[in-house]
Amino acid sequence: MTREALLLTAEVLFVLLALLGVALICFPLGLITGGVIGVLVVERAALAQPDDQAKETDP
């Protein structure tokens, strides 16, 4: 595994364990936290992609 893949795996495991801990205390709060984390992950992935489409649509 590359270093980036190892760091990503560690990050995902950390977030899942933290989410599980919150869900064990209060399940609805775990669902809300999971939704917020999901939005953050999608935004982070969108920012990591090259911005080729925006360059094509700009006049």
N, C-alpha and C. Protein backbone atom coordinates (compact mmCIF):
# COMPACT_ATOMS: atom_id res chain seq x y z
N MET A 1 0.84 -1.19 0.00
CA MET A 1 0.00 0.00 0.00
C MET A 1 0.88 1.24 0.00
N THR A 2 0.40 2.23 -0.70
CA THR A 2 1.12 3.49 -0.69
C THR A 2 0.81 4.25 0.60
N ARG A 3 1.58 5.27 0.86
CA ARG A 3 1.38 6.04 2.08
C ARG A 3 0.02 6.75 2.06
N GLU A 4 -0.39 7.26 0.90
CA GLU A 4 -1.68 7.95 0.80
C GLU A 4 -2.83 6.99 1.09
N ALA A 5 -2.74 5.78 0.55
CA ALA A 5 -3.80 4.79 0.79
C ALA A 5 -3.85 4.39 2.25
N LEU A 6 -2.69 4.26 2.87
CA LEU A 6 -2.64 3.91 4.29
C LEU A 6 -3.24 5.02 5.15
N LEU A 7 -2.92 6.27 4.83
CA LEU A 7 -3.48 7.39 5.59
C LEU A 7 -4.99 7.49 5.39
N LEU A 8 -5.45 7.25 4.17
CA LEU A 8 -6.89 7.28 3.90
C LEU A 8 -7.61 6.18 4.67
N THR A 9 -7.03 4.99 4.71
CA THR A 9 -7.62 3.89 5.45
C THR A 9 -7.68 4.20 6.94
N ALA A 10 -6.62 4.76 7.49
CA ALA A 10 -6.61 5.13 8.90
C ALA A 10 -7.66 6.21 9.19
N GLU A 11 -7.79 7.17 8.29
CA GLU A 11 -8.77 8.24 8.47
C GLU A 11 -10.19 7.69 8.45
N VAL A 12 -10.47 6.79 7.51
CA VAL A 12 -11.81 6.21 7.41
C VAL A 12 -12.13 5.39 8.66
N LEU A 13 -11.18 4.59 9.12
CA LEU A 13 -11.41 3.80 10.33
C LEU A 13 -11.65 4.69 11.55
N PHE A 14 -10.89 5.76 11.67
CA PHE A 14 -11.06 6.68 12.79
C PHE A 14 -12.46 7.30 12.77
N VAL A 15 -12.90 7.75 11.60
CA VAL A 15 -14.22 8.38 11.49
C VAL A 15 -15.32 7.37 11.78
N LEU A 16 -15.18 6.15 11.27
CA LEU A 16 -16.20 5.14 11.53
C LEU A 16 -16.28 4.78 13.02
N LEU A 17 -15.14 4.66 13.67
CA LEU A 17 -15.15 4.36 15.10
C LEU A 17 -15.74 5.51 15.91
N ALA A 18 -15.42 6.73 15.53
CA ALA A 18 -16.01 7.89 16.23
C ALA A 18 -17.52 7.92 16.01
N LEU A 19 -17.97 7.65 14.80
CA LEU A 19 -19.40 7.64 14.50
C LEU A 19 -20.10 6.52 15.25
N LEU A 20 -19.46 5.37 15.35
CA LEU A 20 -20.04 4.27 16.11
C LEU A 20 -20.16 4.62 17.59
N GLY A 21 -19.16 5.29 18.12
CA GLY A 21 -19.23 5.72 19.52
C GLY A 21 -20.37 6.69 19.77
N VAL A 22 -20.58 7.62 18.85
CA VAL A 22 -21.69 8.57 19.00
C VAL A 22 -23.01 7.84 18.88
N ALA A 23 -23.11 6.90 17.93
CA ALA A 23 -24.37 6.18 17.72
C ALA A 23 -24.70 5.27 18.90
N LEU A 24 -23.69 4.77 19.59
CA LEU A 24 -23.96 3.94 20.78
C LEU A 24 -24.53 4.77 21.92
N ILE A 25 -24.16 6.03 21.99
CA ILE A 25 -24.67 6.91 23.05
C ILE A 25 -26.07 7.41 22.69
N CYS A 26 -26.21 7.91 21.47
CA CYS A 26 -27.51 8.45 21.03
C CYS A 26 -27.66 8.18 19.54
N PHE A 27 -28.54 7.25 19.19
CA PHE A 27 -28.66 6.82 17.80
C PHE A 27 -29.05 7.95 16.84
N PRO A 28 -30.07 8.77 17.18
CA PRO A 28 -30.41 9.87 16.25
C PRO A 28 -29.24 10.83 16.02
N LEU A 29 -28.47 11.10 17.07
CA LEU A 29 -27.31 11.96 16.91
C LEU A 29 -26.27 11.30 15.99
N GLY A 30 -26.16 9.98 16.08
CA GLY A 30 -25.27 9.25 15.18
C GLY A 30 -25.71 9.38 13.73
N LEU A 31 -27.02 9.34 13.48
CA LEU A 31 -27.52 9.52 12.11
C LEU A 31 -27.24 10.93 11.59
N ILE A 32 -27.46 11.92 12.42
CA ILE A 32 -27.19 13.30 12.02
C ILE A 32 -25.70 13.51 11.75
N THR A 33 -24.87 12.99 12.64
CA THR A 33 -23.43 13.11 12.47
C THR A 33 -22.97 12.39 11.20
N GLY A 34 -23.54 11.23 10.94
CA GLY A 34 -23.21 10.50 9.71
C GLY A 34 -23.58 11.28 8.46
N GLY A 35 -24.71 11.96 8.49
CA GLY A 35 -25.11 12.78 7.35
C GLY A 35 -24.17 13.95 7.13
N VAL A 36 -23.78 14.60 8.21
CA VAL A 36 -22.85 15.72 8.10
C VAL A 36 -21.50 15.24 7.57
N ILE A 37 -21.02 14.13 8.10
CA ILE A 37 -19.74 13.59 7.64
C ILE A 37 -19.83 13.20 6.16
N GLY A 38 -20.96 12.64 5.74
CA GLY A 38 -21.15 12.29 4.34
C GLY A 38 -21.07 13.51 3.43
N VAL A 39 -21.70 14.60 3.84
CA VAL A 39 -21.63 15.82 3.04
C VAL A 39 -20.20 16.34 2.96
N LEU A 40 -19.48 16.30 4.08
CA LEU A 40 -18.09 16.76 4.08
C LEU A 40 -17.21 15.90 3.18
N VAL A 41 -17.45 14.60 3.17
CA VAL A 41 -16.66 13.70 2.33
C VAL A 41 -16.92 13.99 0.85
N VAL A 42 -18.17 14.21 0.49
CA VAL A 42 -18.50 14.51 -0.91
C VAL A 42 -17.88 15.84 -1.33
N GLU A 43 -17.95 16.84 -0.47
CA GLU A 43 -17.35 18.14 -0.79
C GLU A 43 -15.83 18.02 -0.93
N ARG A 44 -15.22 17.26 -0.05
CA ARG A 44 -13.76 17.07 -0.12
C ARG A 44 -13.37 16.35 -1.41
N ALA A 45 -14.14 15.35 -1.80
CA ALA A 45 -13.85 14.62 -3.04
C ALA A 45 -14.06 15.52 -4.25
N ALA A 46 -15.07 16.38 -4.20
CA ALA A 46 -15.33 17.28 -5.32
C ALA A 46 -14.20 18.31 -5.46
N LEU A 47 -13.66 18.76 -4.35
CA LEU A 47 -12.57 19.73 -4.41
C LEU A 47 -11.26 19.09 -4.85
N ALA A 48 -11.11 17.80 -4.61
CA ALA A 48 -9.87 17.11 -4.97
C ALA A 48 -9.78 16.83 -6.47
N GLN A 49 -10.91 16.83 -7.17
CA GLN A 49 -10.91 16.55 -8.60
C GLN A 49 -10.45 17.78 -9.37
N PRO A 50 -9.82 17.56 -10.52
CA PRO A 50 -9.42 18.70 -11.35
C PRO A 50 -10.64 19.48 -11.82
N ASP A 51 -10.47 20.75 -12.02
CA ASP A 51 -11.59 21.63 -12.37
C ASP A 51 -11.65 21.85 -13.88
N ASP A 52 -11.57 20.78 -14.67
CA ASP A 52 -11.58 20.90 -16.13
C ASP A 52 -12.93 21.38 -16.65
N GLN A 53 -14.02 20.95 -16.05
CA GLN A 53 -15.33 21.34 -16.56
C GLN A 53 -15.58 22.83 -16.37
N ALA A 54 -15.13 23.41 -15.28
CA ALA A 54 -15.35 24.83 -15.05
C ALA A 54 -14.58 25.67 -16.04
N LYS A 55 -13.40 25.21 -16.43
CA LYS A 55 -12.60 25.94 -17.39
C LYS A 55 -13.24 25.94 -18.78
N GLU A 56 -13.94 24.84 -19.12
CA GLU A 56 -14.57 24.74 -20.43
C GLU A 56 -15.79 25.64 -20.53
N THR A 57 -16.52 25.86 -19.43
CA THR A 57 -17.75 26.65 -19.48
C THR A 57 -17.51 28.14 -19.31
N ASP A 58 -16.35 28.53 -18.80
CA ASP A 58 -16.07 29.96 -18.64
C ASP A 58 -15.85 30.60 -20.00
N PRO A 59 -16.40 31.82 -20.21
CA PRO A 59 -16.22 32.47 -21.53
C PRO A 59 -14.82 33.00 -21.72
